[in-house]
């Protein structure tokens, strides 16, 4: 926020540019998806190991449960990819 002393008006100033906001948001989407997947697979993986120790014939069903959290990271990647695509036209435009 910038205050003009002669007119006592406040001019708003952006904290960072639009491109920086998109890049930060894409990073947060990717990191959030990866952390969420890691957390889910950590708890699911330990439970699966316990079940496999008692019932090895359930292995195929349990692999599906281990793969489901990967959708979280794929969706995080998709969101970040779509956000970065919004930067492509701005980056490809010739400088004036």
PDB file of N, CA and C in Angstrom:
ATOM      1  N   UNK A   1       0.850  -1.169   0.000  1.00  0.00           N
ATOM      2  CA  UNK A   1       0.000   0.000   0.000  1.00  0.00           C
ATOM      3  C   UNK A   1       0.897   1.233   0.000  1.00  0.00           C
ATOM      4  N   UNK A   2       0.622   2.177  -0.921  1.00  0.00           N
ATOM      5  CA  UNK A   2       1.403   3.402  -1.046  1.00  0.00           C
ATOM      6  C   UNK A   2       0.488   4.578  -0.764  1.00  0.00           C
ATOM      7  N   UNK A   3       0.933   5.476   0.103  1.00  0.00           N
ATOM      8  CA  UNK A   3       0.146   6.663   0.444  1.00  0.00           C
ATOM      9  C   UNK A   3       0.790   7.872  -0.214  1.00  0.00           C
ATOM     10  N   UNK A   4      -0.019   8.615  -0.990  1.00  0.00           N
ATOM     11  CA  UNK A   4       0.458   9.851  -1.616  1.00  0.00           C
ATOM     12  C   UNK A   4       0.285  10.983  -0.602  1.00  0.00           C
ATOM     13  N   UNK A   5       1.377  11.604  -0.117  1.00  0.00           N
ATOM     14  CA  UNK A   5       1.253  12.621   0.939  1.00  0.00           C
ATOM     15  C   UNK A   5       0.562  13.894   0.484  1.00  0.00           C
ATOM     16  N   UNK A   6       0.597  14.199  -0.816  1.00  0.00           N
ATOM     17  CA  UNK A   6      -0.024  15.444  -1.270  1.00  0.00           C
ATOM     18  C   UNK A   6      -1.539  15.357  -1.310  1.00  0.00           C
ATOM     19  N   UNK A   7      -2.076  14.208  -1.648  1.00  0.00           N
ATOM     20  CA  UNK A   7      -3.533  14.079  -1.740  1.00  0.00           C
ATOM     21  C   UNK A   7      -4.108  13.162  -0.670  1.00  0.00           C
ATOM     22  N   UNK A   8      -3.269  12.537   0.094  1.00  0.00           N
ATOM     23  CA  UNK A   8      -3.673  11.616   1.152  1.00  0.00           C
ATOM     24  C   UNK A   8      -4.543  10.485   0.618  1.00  0.00           C
ATOM     25  N   UNK A   9      -4.251  10.039  -0.592  1.00  0.00           N
ATOM     26  CA  UNK A   9      -4.965   8.897  -1.152  1.00  0.00           C
ATOM     27  C   UNK A   9      -4.069   7.666  -1.078  1.00  0.00           C
ATOM     28  N   UNK A  10      -4.720   6.555  -1.061  1.00  0.00           N
ATOM     29  CA  UNK A  10      -3.995   5.294  -0.968  1.00  0.00           C
ATOM     30  C   UNK A  10      -4.078   4.592  -2.318  1.00  0.00           C
ATOM     31  N   UNK A  11      -2.930   4.264  -2.870  1.00  0.00           N
ATOM     32  CA  UNK A  11      -2.877   3.510  -4.123  1.00  0.00           C
ATOM     33  C   UNK A  11      -2.552   2.065  -3.788  1.00  0.00           C
ATOM     34  N   UNK A  12      -3.391   1.168  -4.241  1.00  0.00           N
ATOM     35  CA  UNK A  12      -3.122  -0.241  -3.950  1.00  0.00           C
ATOM     36  C   UNK A  12      -2.038  -0.747  -4.892  1.00  0.00           C
ATOM     37  N   UNK A  13      -1.221  -1.598  -4.350  1.00  0.00           N
ATOM     38  CA  UNK A  13      -0.125  -2.155  -5.116  1.00  0.00           C
ATOM     39  C   UNK A  13      -0.158  -3.668  -4.932  1.00  0.00           C
ATOM     40  N   UNK A  14      -0.039  -4.395  -6.009  1.00  0.00           N
ATOM     41  CA  UNK A  14      -0.094  -5.853  -5.925  1.00  0.00           C
ATOM     42  C   UNK A  14       1.144  -6.378  -5.215  1.00  0.00           C
ATOM     43  N   UNK A  15       0.949  -7.417  -4.430  1.00  0.00           N
ATOM     44  CA  UNK A  15       2.062  -8.037  -3.717  1.00  0.00           C
ATOM     45  C   UNK A  15       3.010  -8.717  -4.698  1.00  0.00           C
ATOM     46  N   UNK A  16       2.462  -9.364  -5.715  1.00  0.00           N
ATOM     47  CA  UNK A  16       3.274  -9.959  -6.769  1.00  0.00           C
ATOM     48  C   UNK A  16       2.451 -10.007  -8.045  1.00  0.00           C
ATOM     49  N   UNK A  17       3.098 -10.282  -9.153  1.00  0.00           N
ATOM     50  CA  UNK A  17       2.429 -10.238 -10.449  1.00  0.00           C
ATOM     51  C   UNK A  17       1.486 -11.431 -10.639  1.00  0.00           C
ATOM     52  N   UNK A  18       0.673 -11.341 -11.659  1.00  0.00           N
ATOM     53  CA  UNK A  18      -0.268 -12.414 -11.990  1.00  0.00           C
ATOM     54  C   UNK A  18       0.480 -13.699 -12.312  1.00  0.00           C
ATOM     55  N   UNK A  19       1.558 -13.577 -13.079  1.00  0.00           N
ATOM     56  CA  UNK A  19       2.337 -14.749 -13.460  1.00  0.00           C
ATOM     57  C   UNK A  19       2.943 -15.429 -12.242  1.00  0.00           C
ATOM     58  N   UNK A  20       3.420 -14.636 -11.300  1.00  0.00           N
ATOM     59  CA  UNK A  20       4.000 -15.212 -10.081  1.00  0.00           C
ATOM     60  C   UNK A  20       2.922 -15.914  -9.262  1.00  0.00           C
ATOM     61  N   UNK A  21       1.736 -15.340  -9.205  1.00  0.00           N
ATOM     62  CA  UNK A  21       0.636 -15.963  -8.478  1.00  0.00           C
ATOM     63  C   UNK A  21       0.237 -17.297  -9.085  1.00  0.00           C
ATOM     64  N   UNK A  22       0.211 -17.358 -10.420  1.00  0.00           N
ATOM     65  CA  UNK A  22      -0.127 -18.616 -11.094  1.00  0.00           C
ATOM     66  C   UNK A  22       0.957 -19.653 -10.831  1.00  0.00           C
ATOM     67  N   UNK A  23       2.213 -19.250 -10.890  1.00  0.00           N
ATOM     68  CA  UNK A  23       3.311 -20.190 -10.659  1.00  0.00           C
ATOM     69  C   UNK A  23       3.301 -20.706  -9.222  1.00  0.00           C
ATOM     70  N   UNK A  24       3.050 -19.829  -8.271  1.00  0.00           N
ATOM     71  CA  UNK A  24       2.979 -20.252  -6.863  1.00  0.00           C
ATOM     72  C   UNK A  24       1.792 -21.184  -6.652  1.00  0.00           C
ATOM     73  N   UNK A  25       0.654 -20.855  -7.242  1.00  0.00           N
ATOM     74  CA  UNK A  25      -0.522 -21.714  -7.130  1.00  0.00           C
ATOM     75  C   UNK A  25      -0.301 -23.083  -7.744  1.00  0.00           C
ATOM     76  N   UNK A  26       0.390 -23.133  -8.880  1.00  0.00           N
ATOM     77  CA  UNK A  26       0.690 -24.426  -9.513  1.00  0.00           C
ATOM     78  C   UNK A  26       1.616 -25.251  -8.627  1.00  0.00           C
ATOM     79  N   UNK A  27       2.578 -24.597  -8.013  1.00  0.00           N
ATOM     80  CA  UNK A  27       3.477 -25.309  -7.098  1.00  0.00           C
ATOM     81  C   UNK A  27       2.751 -25.844  -5.882  1.00  0.00           C
ATOM     82  N   UNK A  28       1.840 -25.045  -5.338  1.00  0.00           N
ATOM     83  CA  UNK A  28       1.065 -25.487  -4.172  1.00  0.00           C
ATOM     84  C   UNK A  28       0.157 -26.658  -4.555  1.00  0.00           C
ATOM     85  N   UNK A  29      -0.448 -26.604  -5.742  1.00  0.00           N
ATOM     86  CA  UNK A  29      -1.312 -27.702  -6.185  1.00  0.00           C
ATOM     87  C   UNK A  29      -0.519 -29.000  -6.323  1.00  0.00           C
ATOM     88  N   UNK A  30       0.671 -28.899  -6.880  1.00  0.00           N
ATOM     89  CA  UNK A  30       1.491 -30.101  -7.066  1.00  0.00           C
ATOM     90  C   UNK A  30       2.006 -30.610  -5.728  1.00  0.00           C
ATOM     91  N   UNK A  31       2.487 -29.718  -4.882  1.00  0.00           N
ATOM     92  CA  UNK A  31       3.023 -30.137  -3.581  1.00  0.00           C
ATOM     93  C   UNK A  31       1.916 -30.682  -2.687  1.00  0.00           C
ATOM     94  N   UNK A  32       0.756 -30.051  -2.706  1.00  0.00           N
ATOM     95  CA  UNK A  32      -0.359 -30.530  -1.892  1.00  0.00           C
ATOM     96  C   UNK A  32      -0.819 -31.910  -2.319  1.00  0.00           C
ATOM     97  N   UNK A  33      -0.884 -32.124  -3.631  1.00  0.00           N
ATOM     98  CA  UNK A  33      -1.259 -33.449  -4.125  1.00  0.00           C
ATOM     99  C   UNK A  33      -0.242 -34.511  -3.757  1.00  0.00           C
ATOM    100  N   UNK A  34       1.037 -34.160  -3.843  1.00  0.00           N
ATOM    101  CA  UNK A  34       2.082 -35.130  -3.517  1.00  0.00           C
ATOM    102  C   UNK A  34       2.093 -35.453  -2.023  1.00  0.00           C
ATOM    103  N   UNK A  35       1.935 -34.431  -1.187  1.00  0.00           N
ATOM    104  CA  UNK A  35       1.920 -34.675   0.262  1.00  0.00           C
ATOM    105  C   UNK A  35       0.686 -35.467   0.682  1.00  0.00           C
ATOM    106  N   UNK A  36      -0.454 -35.157   0.086  1.00  0.00           N
ATOM    107  CA  UNK A  36      -1.673 -35.909   0.388  1.00  0.00           C
ATOM    108  C   UNK A  36      -1.555 -37.367  -0.018  1.00  0.00           C
ATOM    109  N   UNK A  37      -0.957 -37.607  -1.165  1.00  0.00           N
ATOM    110  CA  UNK A  37      -0.762 -38.978  -1.619  1.00  0.00           C
ATOM    111  C   UNK A  37       0.202 -39.725  -0.709  1.00  0.00           C
ATOM    112  N   UNK A  38       1.286 -39.066  -0.327  1.00  0.00           N
ATOM    113  CA  UNK A  38       2.268 -39.713   0.548  1.00  0.00           C
ATOM    114  C   UNK A  38       1.644 -40.079   1.895  1.00  0.00           C
ATOM    115  N   UNK A  39       0.854 -39.179   2.422  1.00  0.00           N
ATOM    116  CA  UNK A  39       0.216 -39.432   3.719  1.00  0.00           C
ATOM    117  C   UNK A  39      -0.761 -40.611   3.613  1.00  0.00           C
ATOM    118  N   UNK A  40      -1.563 -40.605   2.545  1.00  0.00           N
ATOM    119  CA  UNK A  40      -2.543 -41.691   2.367  1.00  0.00           C
ATOM    120  C   UNK A  40      -1.845 -43.028   2.145  1.00  0.00           C
ATOM    121  N   UNK A  41      -0.811 -43.044   1.321  1.00  0.00           N
ATOM    122  CA  UNK A  41      -0.136 -44.312   1.043  1.00  0.00           C
ATOM    123  C   UNK A  41       0.631 -44.820   2.250  1.00  0.00           C
ATOM    124  N   UNK A  42       1.092 -43.937   3.095  1.00  0.00           N
ATOM    125  CA  UNK A  42       1.794 -44.394   4.297  1.00  0.00           C
ATOM    126  C   UNK A  42       0.855 -45.176   5.211  1.00  0.00           C
ATOM    127  N   UNK A  43      -0.335 -44.649   5.421  1.00  0.00           N
ATOM    128  CA  UNK A  43      -1.267 -45.358   6.303  1.00  0.00           C
ATOM    129  C   UNK A  43      -1.860 -46.593   5.629  1.00  0.00           C
ATOM    130  N   UNK A  44      -2.148 -46.492   4.341  1.00  0.00           N
ATOM    131  CA  UNK A  44      -2.698 -47.642   3.631  1.00  0.00           C
ATOM    132  C   UNK A  44      -1.656 -48.747   3.511  1.00  0.00           C
ATOM    133  N   UNK A  45      -0.420 -48.373   3.240  1.00  0.00           N
ATOM    134  CA  UNK A  45       0.638 -49.367   3.055  1.00  0.00           C
ATOM    135  C   UNK A  45       0.888 -50.205   4.291  1.00  0.00           C
ATOM    136  N   UNK A  46       0.895 -49.556   5.446  1.00  0.00           N
ATOM    137  CA  UNK A  46       1.114 -50.330   6.666  1.00  0.00           C
ATOM    138  C   UNK A  46      -0.066 -51.266   6.956  1.00  0.00           C
ATOM    139  N   UNK A  47      -1.278 -50.816   6.658  1.00  0.00           N
ATOM    140  CA  UNK A  47      -2.444 -51.683   6.850  1.00  0.00           C
ATOM    141  C   UNK A  47      -2.420 -52.861   5.877  1.00  0.00           C
ATOM    142  N   UNK A  48      -2.008 -52.598   4.654  1.00  0.00           N
ATOM    143  CA  UNK A  48      -1.934 -53.666   3.655  1.00  0.00           C
ATOM    144  C   UNK A  48      -0.915 -54.724   4.069  1.00  0.00           C
ATOM    145  N   UNK A  49       0.209 -54.291   4.593  1.00  0.00           N
ATOM    146  CA  UNK A  49       1.219 -55.268   5.024  1.00  0.00           C
ATOM    147  C   UNK A  49       0.678 -56.178   6.127  1.00  0.00           C
ATOM    148  N   UNK A  50      -0.129 -55.623   7.022  1.00  0.00           N
ATOM    149  CA  UNK A  50      -0.734 -56.436   8.068  1.00  0.00           C
ATOM    150  C   UNK A  50      -1.710 -57.461   7.512  1.00  0.00           C
ATOM    151  N   UNK A  51      -2.501 -57.038   6.530  1.00  0.00           N
ATOM    152  CA  UNK A  51      -3.469 -57.955   5.928  1.00  0.00           C
ATOM    153  C   UNK A  51      -2.750 -59.038   5.121  1.00  0.00           C
ATOM    154  N   UNK A  52      -1.710 -58.648   4.382  1.00  0.00           N
ATOM    155  CA  UNK A  52      -0.986 -59.627   3.572  1.00  0.00           C
ATOM    156  C   UNK A  52      -0.285 -60.670   4.422  1.00  0.00           C
ATOM    157  N   UNK A  53       0.100 -60.308   5.636  1.00  0.00           N
ATOM    158  CA  UNK A  53       0.736 -61.282   6.524  1.00  0.00           C
ATOM    159  C   UNK A  53      -0.246 -62.389   6.906  1.00  0.00           C
ATOM    160  N   UNK A  54      -1.518 -62.034   7.005  1.00  0.00           N
ATOM    161  CA  UNK A  54      -2.523 -63.022   7.397  1.00  0.00           C
ATOM    162  C   UNK A  54      -3.216 -63.687   6.206  1.00  0.00           C
ATOM    163  N   UNK A  55      -3.442 -62.906   5.120  1.00  0.00           N
ATOM    164  CA  UNK A  55      -4.177 -63.436   3.954  1.00  0.00           C
ATOM    165  C   UNK A  55      -3.425 -63.070   2.661  1.00  0.00           C
ATOM    166  N   UNK A  56      -2.444 -63.825   2.277  1.00  0.00           N
ATOM    167  CA  UNK A  56      -1.695 -63.497   1.059  1.00  0.00           C
ATOM    168  C   UNK A  56      -2.537 -63.567  -0.215  1.00  0.00           C
ATOM    169  N   UNK A  57      -3.634 -64.288  -0.192  1.00  0.00           N
ATOM    170  CA  UNK A  57      -4.470 -64.402  -1.391  1.00  0.00           C
ATOM    171  C   UNK A  57      -5.211 -63.103  -1.721  1.00  0.00           C
ATOM    172  N   UNK A  58      -5.212 -62.146  -0.813  1.00  0.00           N
ATOM    173  CA  UNK A  58      -5.898 -60.861  -1.027  1.00  0.00           C
ATOM    174  C   UNK A  58      -4.999 -59.835  -1.714  1.00  0.00           C
ATOM    175  N   UNK A  59      -3.844 -60.245  -2.177  1.00  0.00           N
ATOM    176  CA  UNK A  59      -2.846 -59.303  -2.692  1.00  0.00           C
ATOM    177  C   UNK A  59      -3.372 -58.451  -3.844  1.00  0.00           C
ATOM    178  N   UNK A  60      -4.069 -59.049  -4.798  1.00  0.00           N
ATOM    179  CA  UNK A  60      -4.515 -58.287  -5.968  1.00  0.00           C
ATOM    180  C   UNK A  60      -5.496 -57.193  -5.573  1.00  0.00           C
ATOM    181  N   UNK A  61      -6.440 -57.501  -4.703  1.00  0.00           N
ATOM    182  CA  UNK A  61      -7.409 -56.491  -4.252  1.00  0.00           C
ATOM    183  C   UNK A  61      -6.710 -55.346  -3.532  1.00  0.00           C
ATOM    184  N   UNK A  62      -5.707 -55.683  -2.759  1.00  0.00           N
ATOM    185  CA  UNK A  62      -5.025 -54.667  -1.957  1.00  0.00           C
ATOM    186  C   UNK A  62      -4.137 -53.760  -2.793  1.00  0.00           C
ATOM    187  N   UNK A  63      -3.661 -54.262  -3.919  1.00  0.00           N
ATOM    188  CA  UNK A  63      -2.872 -53.406  -4.808  1.00  0.00           C
ATOM    189  C   UNK A  63      -3.735 -52.271  -5.343  1.00  0.00           C
ATOM    190  N   UNK A  64      -5.003 -52.545  -5.594  1.00  0.00           N
ATOM    191  CA  UNK A  64      -5.919 -51.499  -6.056  1.00  0.00           C
ATOM    192  C   UNK A  64      -6.034 -50.402  -4.998  1.00  0.00           C
ATOM    193  N   UNK A  65      -6.131 -50.792  -3.737  1.00  0.00           N
ATOM    194  CA  UNK A  65      -6.213 -49.786  -2.669  1.00  0.00           C
ATOM    195  C   UNK A  65      -4.934 -48.973  -2.570  1.00  0.00           C
ATOM    196  N   UNK A  66      -3.821 -49.577  -2.881  1.00  0.00           N
ATOM    197  CA  UNK A  66      -2.554 -48.852  -2.835  1.00  0.00           C
ATOM    198  C   UNK A  66      -2.434 -47.880  -4.004  1.00  0.00           C
ATOM    199  N   UNK A  67      -3.075 -48.196  -5.123  1.00  0.00           N
ATOM    200  CA  UNK A  67      -2.984 -47.338  -6.308  1.00  0.00           C
ATOM    201  C   UNK A  67      -3.986 -46.188  -6.280  1.00  0.00           C
ATOM    202  N   UNK A  68      -5.054 -46.293  -5.525  1.00  0.00           N
ATOM    203  CA  UNK A  68      -6.074 -45.239  -5.518  1.00  0.00           C
ATOM    204  C   UNK A  68      -5.548 -43.865  -5.107  1.00  0.00           C
ATOM    205  N   UNK A  69      -4.696 -43.743  -4.099  1.00  0.00           N
ATOM    206  CA  UNK A  69      -4.204 -42.402  -3.749  1.00  0.00           C
ATOM    207  C   UNK A  69      -3.397 -41.731  -4.851  1.00  0.00           C
ATOM    208  N   UNK A  70      -2.897 -42.497  -5.811  1.00  0.00           N
ATOM    209  CA  UNK A  70      -2.164 -41.896  -6.916  1.00  0.00           C
ATOM    210  C   UNK A  70      -3.047 -40.944  -7.722  1.00  0.00           C
ATOM    211  N   UNK A  71      -4.355 -41.153  -7.671  1.00  0.00           N
ATOM    212  CA  UNK A  71      -5.255 -40.224  -8.362  1.00  0.00           C
ATOM    213  C   UNK A  71      -5.137 -38.818  -7.802  1.00  0.00           C
ATOM    214  N   UNK A  72      -4.843 -38.702  -6.518  1.00  0.00           N
ATOM    215  CA  UNK A  72      -4.704 -37.378  -5.900  1.00  0.00           C
ATOM    216  C   UNK A  72      -3.552 -36.627  -6.542  1.00  0.00           C
ATOM    217  N   UNK A  73      -2.413 -37.289  -6.686  1.00  0.00           N
ATOM    218  CA  UNK A  73      -1.254 -36.612  -7.265  1.00  0.00           C
ATOM    219  C   UNK A  73      -1.461 -36.364  -8.760  1.00  0.00           C
ATOM    220  N   UNK A  74      -2.179 -37.244  -9.433  1.00  0.00           N
ATOM    221  CA  UNK A  74      -2.465 -37.008 -10.849  1.00  0.00           C
ATOM    222  C   UNK A  74      -3.369 -35.793 -11.009  1.00  0.00           C
ATOM    223  N   UNK A  75      -4.364 -35.656 -10.154  1.00  0.00           N
ATOM    224  CA  UNK A  75      -5.237 -34.481 -10.218  1.00  0.00           C
ATOM    225  C   UNK A  75      -4.484 -33.207  -9.851  1.00  0.00           C
ATOM    226  N   UNK A  76      -3.574 -33.283  -8.879  1.00  0.00           N
ATOM    227  CA  UNK A  76      -2.739 -32.124  -8.550  1.00  0.00           C
ATOM    228  C   UNK A  76      -1.872 -31.711  -9.726  1.00  0.00           C
ATOM    229  N   UNK A  77      -1.313 -32.704 -10.420  1.00  0.00           N
ATOM    230  CA  UNK A  77      -0.524 -32.416 -11.615  1.00  0.00           C
ATOM    231  C   UNK A  77      -1.393 -31.790 -12.692  1.00  0.00           C
ATOM    232  N   UNK A  78      -2.593 -32.299 -12.876  1.00  0.00           N
ATOM    233  CA  UNK A  78      -3.493 -31.765 -13.892  1.00  0.00           C
ATOM    234  C   UNK A  78      -3.838 -30.307 -13.605  1.00  0.00           C
ATOM    235  N   UNK A  79      -4.139 -30.005 -12.361  1.00  0.00           N
ATOM    236  CA  UNK A  79      -4.465 -28.625 -11.993  1.00  0.00           C
ATOM    237  C   UNK A  79      -3.269 -27.719 -12.225  1.00  0.00           C
ATOM    238  N   UNK A  80      -2.079 -28.150 -11.811  1.00  0.00           N
ATOM    239  CA  UNK A  80      -0.900 -27.309 -12.007  1.00  0.00           C
ATOM    240  C   UNK A  80      -0.575 -27.160 -13.493  1.00  0.00           C
ATOM    241  N   UNK A  81      -0.781 -28.218 -14.271  1.00  0.00           N
ATOM    242  CA  UNK A  81      -0.550 -28.128 -15.716  1.00  0.00           C
ATOM    243  C   UNK A  81      -1.491 -27.115 -16.352  1.00  0.00           C
ATOM    244  N   UNK A  82      -2.767 -27.158 -15.972  1.00  0.00           N
ATOM    245  CA  UNK A  82      -3.728 -26.201 -16.530  1.00  0.00           C
ATOM    246  C   UNK A  82      -3.400 -24.771 -16.110  1.00  0.00           C
ATOM    247  N   UNK A  83      -2.889 -24.607 -14.907  1.00  0.00           N
ATOM    248  CA  UNK A  83      -2.517 -23.266 -14.456  1.00  0.00           C
ATOM    249  C   UNK A  83      -1.304 -22.747 -15.224  1.00  0.00           C
ATOM    250  N   UNK A  84      -0.340 -23.602 -15.452  1.00  0.00           N
ATOM    251  CA  UNK A  84       0.865 -23.194 -16.182  1.00  0.00           C
ATOM    252  C   UNK A  84       0.520 -22.896 -17.639  1.00  0.00           C
ATOM    253  N   UNK A  85      -0.479 -23.568 -18.197  1.00  0.00           N
ATOM    254  CA  UNK A  85      -0.900 -23.281 -19.565  1.00  0.00           C
ATOM    255  C   UNK A  85      -1.415 -21.854 -19.703  1.00  0.00           C
ATOM    256  N   UNK A  86      -1.896 -21.282 -18.625  1.00  0.00           N
ATOM    257  CA  UNK A  86      -2.342 -19.887 -18.664  1.00  0.00           C
ATOM    258  C   UNK A  86      -1.156 -18.947 -18.786  1.00  0.00           C
ATOM    259  N   UNK A  87       0.035 -19.399 -18.392  1.00  0.00           N
ATOM    260  CA  UNK A  87       1.228 -18.588 -18.527  1.00  0.00           C
ATOM    261  C   UNK A  87       1.797 -18.635 -19.928  1.00  0.00           C
ATOM    262  N   UNK A  88       1.532 -19.684 -20.678  1.00  0.00           N
ATOM    263  CA  UNK A  88       2.147 -19.877 -21.992  1.00  0.00           C
ATOM    264  C   UNK A  88       1.887 -18.717 -22.952  1.00  0.00           C
ATOM    265  N   UNK A  89       0.651 -18.214 -23.100  1.00  0.00           N
ATOM    266  CA  UNK A  89       0.458 -17.091 -24.025  1.00  0.00           C
ATOM    267  C   UNK A  89       1.228 -15.843 -23.570  1.00  0.00           C
ATOM    268  N   UNK A  90       1.291 -15.601 -22.278  1.00  0.00           N
ATOM    269  CA  UNK A  90       2.005 -14.413 -21.800  1.00  0.00           C
ATOM    270  C   UNK A  90       3.505 -14.547 -22.028  1.00  0.00           C
ATOM    271  N   UNK A  91       4.033 -15.759 -21.869  1.00  0.00           N
ATOM    272  CA  UNK A  91       5.460 -15.969 -22.046  1.00  0.00           C
ATOM    273  C   UNK A  91       5.842 -15.965 -23.525  1.00  0.00           C
ATOM    274  N   UNK A  92       4.937 -16.403 -24.398  1.00  0.00           N
ATOM    275  CA  UNK A  92       5.243 -16.492 -25.820  1.00  0.00           C
ATOM    276  C   UNK A  92       5.081 -15.155 -26.539  1.00  0.00           C
ATOM    277  N   UNK A  93       4.406 -14.205 -25.913  1.00  0.00           N
ATOM    278  CA  UNK A  93       4.174 -12.907 -26.556  1.00  0.00           C
ATOM    279  C   UNK A  93       5.498 -12.152 -26.675  1.00  0.00           C
ATOM    280  N   UNK A  94       5.740 -11.543 -27.842  1.00  0.00           N
ATOM    281  CA  UNK A  94       6.987 -10.790 -28.005  1.00  0.00           C
ATOM    282  C   UNK A  94       6.996  -9.534 -27.130  1.00  0.00           C
ATOM    283  N   UNK A  95       8.158  -9.204 -26.633  1.00  0.00           N
ATOM    284  CA  UNK A  95       8.286  -8.002 -25.788  1.00  0.00           C
ATOM    285  C   UNK A  95       8.143  -6.760 -26.639  1.00  0.00           C
ATOM    286  N   UNK A  96       7.425  -5.779 -26.146  1.00  0.00           N
ATOM    287  CA  UNK A  96       7.202  -4.546 -26.901  1.00  0.00           C
ATOM    288  C   UNK A  96       8.298  -3.541 -26.662  1.00  0.00           C
TER     289      UNK A  96
END
